[in-house]
């Protein structure tokens, strides 16, 4: 309980907020690139407690939210294949496709299973050897090692009816694409804490060296985030750029070397399609040639479904910070957590879900 009590200290957080208020000199736009940060900022009330000059932009840090519509439609189509089971994390079941969702497919008798880990999907493949078990491999660098381990385990056990439909994405190149986007103005980043625990501090250095932008890797408690904002403001006020690691209790310069080694062994970099952001070069991971027999697309010889926009949904603009959920005509009306229309309303880490639960509506 030590870290929880220390990093939720209201007196310390209040002092930091006062320091921020005393030193701010103008409008500051800060992008947090992590869905957990987005939820923590709302839940702790920091949006209301910090000076109005601080503008938080909730970036594309929710893996469910950035998964493209074409991927969801492909996953739904897979459930219609004979002797095929689709396994996924819980949030993925609720994401609306162009027609229906995986949850609706499950309700109508298709074999769709919720799992807590990719390794659970391997166990399903071992138990149901007469079916092809497809795991929906969605996530960032945080989940990539576990996905790789599932392939390793399947290979070690000679399980040949397991494969992954890949949509694993990476953060640093995505952050660079956001910086280069002329429609977005970012004064500084709060870097994703979970991803940083895997990749470390080093991959973010380019933000300061190449673009002169400050960034802070912060934890998820209120005092963590307030400290991150204060450290960003200090660098901005002194016209400095650097990468500060506030989350030293978990994040190191080089990251989790064992996790990085397994990612390197199983995956290679590729381009990736992001909901609302389009195809971004070098922001995805795909299985290397030695493991292609576990790649659903190649193994089953399927094509991804065409990408289709969700009518009336502005998820893409929300993920880039160009709009807020309050700008969406569907928000809180047709689109709610119980009846989501856009992916940003599905996950608890989604911006729309955070606005609905904690924000004004």
Protein backbone atom coordinates (compact mmCIF):
# COMPACT_ATOMS: atom_id res chain seq x y z
CA UNK A 1 0.00 0.00 0.00
CA UNK A 2 3.01 2.30 0.27
CA UNK A 3 2.94 3.69 -3.25
CA UNK A 4 -0.84 3.99 -3.35
CA UNK A 5 -0.96 6.18 -0.24
CA UNK A 6 2.05 8.27 -1.25
CA UNK A 7 0.87 8.95 -4.80
CA UNK A 8 -2.70 9.69 -3.77
CA UNK A 9 -1.69 12.24 -1.16
CA UNK A 10 -4.27 15.07 -1.50
CA UNK A 11 -2.07 17.60 0.31
CA UNK A 12 0.88 17.00 -2.00
CA UNK A 13 -1.36 17.03 -5.06
CA UNK A 14 -2.89 20.32 -3.92
CA UNK A 15 0.58 21.86 -3.53
CA UNK A 16 1.53 20.76 -7.04
CA UNK A 17 -1.68 22.18 -8.49
CA UNK A 18 -0.96 25.51 -6.75
CA UNK A 19 2.59 25.52 -8.16
CA UNK A 20 1.17 24.91 -11.63
CA UNK A 21 -1.34 27.76 -11.18
CA UNK A 22 1.42 30.11 -9.99
CA UNK A 23 3.74 29.38 -12.91
CA UNK A 24 1.44 29.09 -15.91
CA UNK A 25 1.75 31.94 -18.38
CA UNK A 26 -0.55 30.93 -21.23
CA UNK A 27 -2.53 28.17 -22.91
CA UNK A 28 -0.82 24.77 -22.79
CA UNK A 29 -1.96 21.71 -24.75
CA UNK A 30 -0.85 18.41 -23.25
CA UNK A 31 -1.56 15.08 -24.91
CA UNK A 32 -1.78 12.01 -22.70
CA UNK A 33 -1.12 8.96 -24.87
CA UNK A 34 -2.67 6.33 -22.65
CA UNK A 35 -6.28 5.39 -22.01
CA UNK A 36 -5.53 4.70 -18.34
CA UNK A 37 -4.18 8.24 -17.96
CA UNK A 38 -7.35 9.58 -19.58
CA UNK A 39 -9.54 7.70 -17.12
CA UNK A 40 -7.35 8.68 -14.14
CA UNK A 41 -7.44 12.37 -15.09
CA UNK A 42 -11.24 12.29 -15.20
CA UNK A 43 -11.70 10.11 -12.13
CA UNK A 44 -9.43 12.24 -9.94
CA UNK A 45 -11.04 15.50 -11.07
CA UNK A 46 -7.75 16.95 -12.33
CA UNK A 47 -9.44 18.51 -15.35
CA UNK A 48 -11.49 20.67 -12.98
CA UNK A 49 -8.73 21.24 -10.39
CA UNK A 50 -5.99 22.37 -12.77
CA UNK A 51 -6.04 25.90 -14.23
CA UNK A 52 -8.30 26.30 -17.30
CA UNK A 53 -5.22 27.18 -19.35
CA UNK A 54 -4.20 23.51 -19.18
CA UNK A 55 -5.85 21.66 -22.04
CA UNK A 56 -5.67 17.87 -22.00
CA UNK A 57 -5.85 16.11 -25.35
CA UNK A 58 -6.80 12.46 -25.03
CA UNK A 59 -4.70 10.76 -27.68
CA UNK A 60 -4.93 7.35 -29.36
CA UNK A 61 -3.91 5.33 -26.31
CA UNK A 62 -6.89 2.99 -26.07
CA UNK A 63 -6.18 -0.21 -28.06
CA UNK A 64 -9.85 -1.02 -28.57
CA UNK A 65 -10.58 2.52 -29.76
CA UNK A 66 -7.87 2.58 -32.45
CA UNK A 67 -8.66 -0.88 -33.84
CA UNK A 68 -10.04 -0.21 -37.34
CA UNK A 69 -13.56 -1.09 -38.41
CA UNK A 70 -12.19 -3.47 -41.06
CA UNK A 71 -10.57 -5.59 -38.34
CA UNK A 72 -13.84 -5.87 -36.39
CA UNK A 73 -15.74 -6.81 -39.55
CA UNK A 74 -13.11 -9.44 -40.39
CA UNK A 75 -13.35 -10.92 -36.89
CA UNK A 76 -17.13 -11.11 -37.18
CA UNK A 77 -16.82 -12.78 -40.60
CA UNK A 78 -14.49 -15.39 -39.08
CA UNK A 79 -17.22 -16.51 -36.68
CA UNK A 80 -19.24 -17.64 -39.69
CA UNK A 81 -16.54 -20.09 -40.75
CA UNK A 82 -17.22 -23.73 -40.00
CA UNK A 83 -15.27 -25.20 -37.06
CA UNK A 84 -13.87 -21.82 -36.06
CA UNK A 85 -13.76 -20.30 -32.58
CA UNK A 86 -12.92 -16.62 -32.02
CA UNK A 87 -11.35 -15.69 -28.68
CA UNK A 88 -10.92 -12.10 -27.54
CA UNK A 89 -10.61 -9.77 -24.56
CA UNK A 90 -13.97 -8.68 -23.16
CA UNK A 91 -14.05 -5.15 -24.57
CA UNK A 92 -13.53 -6.43 -28.11
CA UNK A 93 -16.79 -8.37 -27.98
CA UNK A 94 -18.77 -5.15 -27.63
CA UNK A 95 -17.17 -3.09 -30.40
CA UNK A 96 -19.79 -2.51 -33.12
CA UNK A 97 -18.93 -3.74 -36.59
CA UNK A 98 -20.59 -2.52 -39.74
CA UNK A 99 -23.29 -5.08 -38.99
CA UNK A 100 -23.56 -6.36 -35.44
CA UNK A 101 -20.78 -7.22 -33.00
CA UNK A 102 -18.98 -10.28 -31.69
CA UNK A 103 -21.30 -10.23 -28.69
CA UNK A 104 -24.29 -10.42 -31.03
CA UNK A 105 -22.62 -13.27 -32.92
CA UNK A 106 -22.16 -15.11 -29.63
CA UNK A 107 -25.80 -14.52 -28.72
CA UNK A 108 -26.91 -16.12 -32.00
CA UNK A 109 -24.94 -19.29 -31.40
CA UNK A 110 -21.56 -18.60 -32.97
CA UNK A 111 -18.49 -19.77 -31.06
CA UNK A 112 -17.08 -16.62 -29.51
CA UNK A 113 -15.16 -16.82 -26.23
CA UNK A 114 -13.97 -14.13 -23.83
CA UNK A 115 -10.46 -14.71 -22.46
CA UNK A 116 -8.26 -12.86 -19.98
CA UNK A 117 -4.97 -13.75 -21.64
CA UNK A 118 -3.71 -14.99 -25.02
CA UNK A 119 -2.52 -18.08 -23.14
CA UNK A 120 -6.16 -18.86 -22.32
CA UNK A 121 -6.81 -19.01 -26.06
CA UNK A 122 -4.02 -21.57 -26.45
CA UNK A 123 -5.68 -23.72 -23.78
CA UNK A 124 -8.94 -23.51 -25.74
CA UNK A 125 -7.12 -24.66 -28.87
CA UNK A 126 -5.69 -27.58 -26.91
CA UNK A 127 -9.13 -28.53 -25.61
CA UNK A 128 -11.03 -28.04 -28.89
CA UNK A 129 -8.55 -29.62 -31.29
CA UNK A 130 -11.22 -30.01 -34.00
CA UNK A 131 -11.64 -26.21 -34.25
CA UNK A 132 -9.40 -23.42 -35.46
CA UNK A 133 -9.06 -21.05 -32.50
CA UNK A 134 -8.40 -17.47 -33.62
CA UNK A 135 -7.22 -15.02 -30.98
CA UNK A 136 -7.84 -11.33 -31.68
CA UNK A 137 -4.34 -10.00 -31.06
CA UNK A 138 -5.14 -6.37 -30.25
CA UNK A 139 -2.97 -4.09 -28.14
CA UNK A 140 0.29 -2.19 -27.85
CA UNK A 141 3.80 -3.12 -26.73
CA UNK A 142 2.28 -3.98 -23.36
CA UNK A 143 0.40 -7.03 -24.64
CA UNK A 144 2.82 -7.99 -27.43
CA UNK A 145 5.03 -10.20 -25.18
CA UNK A 146 2.03 -12.25 -23.96
CA UNK A 147 0.82 -12.66 -27.55
CA UNK A 148 4.29 -13.84 -28.56
CA UNK A 149 4.32 -16.26 -25.61
CA UNK A 150 1.03 -17.74 -26.79
CA UNK A 151 2.62 -18.55 -30.16
CA UNK A 152 5.67 -19.95 -28.38
CA UNK A 153 3.48 -22.17 -26.20
CA UNK A 154 1.37 -23.37 -29.12
CA UNK A 155 4.51 -24.28 -31.04
CA UNK A 156 6.08 -26.03 -28.05
CA UNK A 157 2.93 -28.12 -27.52
CA UNK A 158 2.57 -28.80 -31.26
CA UNK A 159 -0.87 -27.17 -31.27
CA UNK A 160 -1.64 -26.55 -34.93
CA UNK A 161 -5.18 -25.19 -34.63
CA UNK A 162 -4.22 -21.85 -33.06
CA UNK A 163 -3.61 -18.57 -34.88
CA UNK A 164 -3.74 -14.83 -34.23
CA UNK A 165 -5.50 -12.11 -36.19
CA UNK A 166 -2.95 -9.38 -35.81
CA UNK A 167 -3.58 -5.76 -34.85
CA UNK A 168 -0.67 -5.08 -32.48
CA UNK A 169 0.39 -1.44 -32.60
CA UNK A 170 3.40 0.52 -31.36
CA UNK A 171 3.53 3.98 -29.82
CA UNK A 172 6.73 5.99 -30.61
CA UNK A 173 6.20 6.26 -34.38
CA UNK A 174 2.54 7.06 -33.78
CA UNK A 175 3.50 9.93 -31.50
CA UNK A 176 5.82 11.21 -34.22
CA UNK A 177 2.95 11.11 -36.73
CA UNK A 178 0.82 13.16 -34.33
CA UNK A 179 3.59 15.73 -33.93
CA UNK A 180 3.90 16.05 -37.71
CA UNK A 181 0.15 16.45 -38.19
CA UNK A 182 -0.41 20.14 -38.92
CA UNK A 183 -3.98 19.99 -37.65
CA UNK A 184 -2.83 19.12 -34.13
CA UNK A 185 -0.95 21.44 -31.76
CA UNK A 186 0.84 19.69 -28.90
CA UNK A 187 3.05 21.53 -26.39
CA UNK A 188 4.09 18.40 -24.53
CA UNK A 189 3.33 14.73 -23.97
CA UNK A 190 2.48 12.60 -20.98
CA UNK A 191 3.89 9.32 -22.27
CA UNK A 192 2.05 6.03 -21.77
CA UNK A 193 3.05 4.42 -18.48
CA UNK A 194 2.23 0.80 -19.30
CA UNK A 195 3.96 0.90 -22.68
CA UNK A 196 6.96 2.67 -21.14
CA UNK A 197 7.35 -0.12 -18.57
CA UNK A 198 8.11 -2.38 -21.55
CA UNK A 199 10.01 -0.13 -23.98
CA UNK A 200 11.71 2.21 -21.46
CA UNK A 201 12.62 5.88 -21.79
CA UNK A 202 15.02 5.70 -24.72
CA UNK A 203 12.46 5.39 -27.59
CA UNK A 204 10.97 8.80 -26.71
CA UNK A 205 14.24 10.75 -26.90
CA UNK A 206 13.52 11.74 -30.50
CA UNK A 207 10.68 14.01 -29.32
CA UNK A 208 13.17 16.34 -27.65
CA UNK A 209 16.10 15.83 -30.02
CA UNK A 210 14.21 16.04 -33.31
CA UNK A 211 11.18 18.18 -32.51
CA UNK A 212 12.15 20.15 -29.39
CA UNK A 213 9.15 18.85 -27.46
CA UNK A 214 9.14 18.04 -23.73
CA UNK A 215 7.63 14.79 -22.50
CA UNK A 216 7.13 13.15 -19.12
CA UNK A 217 6.60 9.47 -18.39
CA UNK A 218 4.13 9.47 -15.51
CA UNK A 219 2.35 6.96 -13.32
CA UNK A 220 -1.40 6.81 -12.98
CA UNK A 221 -2.15 8.19 -9.53
CA UNK A 222 -3.30 11.83 -9.13
CA UNK A 223 0.03 12.97 -7.68
CA UNK A 224 1.89 11.24 -10.52
CA UNK A 225 -0.09 13.08 -13.16
CA UNK A 226 0.04 16.45 -11.35
CA UNK A 227 3.82 16.07 -11.05
CA UNK A 228 3.99 15.22 -14.75
CA UNK A 229 2.08 18.38 -15.66
CA UNK A 230 4.31 20.48 -13.37
CA UNK A 231 7.48 19.02 -14.91
CA UNK A 232 6.17 19.69 -18.41
CA UNK A 233 5.28 23.26 -17.48
CA UNK A 234 8.75 23.83 -16.01
CA UNK A 235 10.37 22.74 -19.28
CA UNK A 236 7.97 24.79 -21.39
CA UNK A 237 8.49 27.94 -19.28
CA UNK A 238 12.28 27.58 -19.53
CA UNK A 239 12.09 26.76 -23.25
CA UNK A 240 13.70 23.38 -22.60
CA UNK A 241 13.04 20.05 -24.22
CA UNK A 242 13.73 16.74 -22.59
CA UNK A 243 12.25 13.43 -21.53
CA UNK A 244 11.64 13.18 -17.79
CA UNK A 245 10.91 9.83 -16.17
CA UNK A 246 8.57 10.51 -13.24
CA UNK A 247 7.55 6.85 -13.14
CA UNK A 248 10.93 5.62 -11.89
CA UNK A 249 9.37 3.02 -9.62
CA UNK A 250 8.48 0.99 -12.71
CA UNK A 251 10.12 2.46 -15.83
CA UNK A 252 13.84 2.28 -16.64
CA UNK A 253 15.93 3.78 -19.42
CA UNK A 254 16.23 0.52 -21.36
CA UNK A 255 12.83 -0.96 -20.46
CA UNK A 256 11.99 -4.59 -19.78
CA UNK A 257 14.76 -6.35 -21.67
CA UNK A 258 13.18 -9.81 -21.42
CA UNK A 259 9.89 -8.55 -22.83
CA UNK A 260 11.71 -6.70 -25.61
CA UNK A 261 13.71 -9.80 -26.47
CA UNK A 262 10.60 -11.91 -26.98
CA UNK A 263 8.99 -9.17 -29.08
CA UNK A 264 12.16 -9.06 -31.20
CA UNK A 265 12.19 -12.85 -31.56
CA UNK A 266 8.62 -13.19 -32.80
CA UNK A 267 7.64 -9.89 -34.41
CA UNK A 268 8.85 -7.49 -37.07
CA UNK A 269 7.81 -3.92 -37.73
CA UNK A 270 5.11 -3.20 -40.28
CA UNK A 271 2.69 -0.44 -41.26
CA UNK A 272 -0.62 -0.37 -39.38
CA UNK A 273 -4.12 0.95 -39.96
CA UNK A 274 -5.50 3.04 -37.08
CA UNK A 275 -9.13 4.00 -36.66
CA UNK A 276 -9.47 7.67 -37.59
CA UNK A 277 -5.74 8.14 -38.18
CA UNK A 278 -5.32 6.03 -41.31
CA UNK A 279 -2.32 3.90 -42.15
CA UNK A 280 0.79 4.99 -40.25
CA UNK A 281 4.17 3.72 -41.35
CA UNK A 282 6.08 1.53 -38.93
CA UNK A 283 3.45 1.49 -36.17
CA UNK A 284 2.49 -2.18 -36.21
CA UNK A 285 3.93 -5.59 -35.40
CA UNK A 286 3.47 -8.76 -37.44
CA UNK A 287 4.74 -12.28 -36.93
CA UNK A 288 8.07 -13.06 -38.55
CA UNK A 289 8.26 -15.53 -41.42
CA UNK A 290 9.25 -18.41 -39.11
CA UNK A 291 5.90 -18.10 -37.32
CA UNK A 292 3.59 -17.39 -40.26
CA UNK A 293 1.72 -20.66 -39.66
CA UNK A 294 0.17 -18.86 -36.67
CA UNK A 295 -0.87 -15.83 -38.74
CA UNK A 296 -4.65 -16.12 -39.30
CA UNK A 297 -4.66 -14.18 -42.57
CA UNK A 298 -2.01 -16.37 -44.18
CA UNK A 299 -3.02 -19.63 -42.56
CA UNK A 300 -6.69 -19.37 -43.54
CA UNK A 301 -5.95 -17.44 -46.74
CA UNK A 302 -8.35 -14.63 -45.93
CA UNK A 303 -8.47 -10.96 -46.91
CA UNK A 304 -9.22 -8.22 -44.42
CA UNK A 305 -12.63 -6.64 -44.97
CA UNK A 306 -12.68 -3.14 -46.52
CA UNK A 307 -12.51 -0.20 -44.14
CA UNK A 308 -15.81 1.59 -43.65
CA UNK A 309 -16.47 4.74 -41.67
CA UNK A 310 -19.15 4.72 -38.98
CA UNK A 311 -21.79 7.21 -40.03
CA UNK A 312 -22.14 10.14 -37.66
CA UNK A 313 -19.28 8.98 -35.42
CA UNK A 314 -16.33 11.38 -34.92
CA UNK A 315 -14.03 8.91 -33.10
CA UNK A 316 -11.15 9.71 -35.46
CA UNK A 317 -11.24 13.44 -34.72
CA UNK A 318 -11.56 12.71 -31.00
CA UNK A 319 -8.50 10.43 -31.05
CA UNK A 320 -6.46 13.27 -32.58
CA UNK A 321 -7.80 15.89 -30.16
CA UNK A 322 -9.48 17.87 -32.92
CA UNK A 323 -12.88 17.34 -31.31
CA UNK A 324 -14.26 16.24 -27.95
CA UNK A 325 -17.11 13.78 -27.41
CA UNK A 326 -19.38 16.75 -26.73
CA UNK A 327 -18.96 17.71 -30.41
CA UNK A 328 -20.48 14.39 -31.51
CA UNK A 329 -24.22 14.40 -32.20
CA UNK A 330 -24.42 10.75 -31.18
CA UNK A 331 -22.77 11.19 -27.79
CA UNK A 332 -25.09 10.41 -24.88
CA UNK A 333 -28.02 9.97 -27.24
CA UNK A 334 -27.75 7.00 -29.55
CA UNK A 335 -24.21 6.26 -28.35
CA UNK A 336 -23.88 5.23 -24.70
CA UNK A 337 -21.80 2.56 -22.91
CA UNK A 338 -24.87 0.29 -23.01
CA UNK A 339 -25.49 0.91 -26.73
CA UNK A 340 -22.12 2.02 -28.19
CA UNK A 341 -21.94 3.17 -31.80
CA UNK A 342 -18.27 4.15 -31.84
CA UNK A 343 -15.29 2.28 -30.40
CA UNK A 344 -14.35 5.20 -28.11
CA UNK A 345 -17.51 4.51 -26.09
CA UNK A 346 -16.81 0.78 -25.63
CA UNK A 347 -13.65 0.53 -23.56
CA UNK A 348 -13.40 2.00 -20.06
CA UNK A 349 -10.21 3.65 -21.35
CA UNK A 350 -12.04 5.31 -24.26
CA UNK A 351 -12.37 9.09 -24.30
CA UNK A 352 -16.12 8.99 -24.93
CA UNK A 353 -16.63 6.51 -22.09
CA UNK A 354 -14.62 8.77 -19.76
CA UNK A 355 -16.63 11.84 -20.77
CA UNK A 356 -19.88 9.94 -20.32
CA UNK A 357 -18.95 8.64 -16.87
CA UNK A 358 -17.14 11.68 -15.44
CA UNK A 359 -17.51 14.62 -17.83
CA UNK A 360 -20.29 17.09 -18.59
CA UNK A 361 -23.10 15.83 -20.78
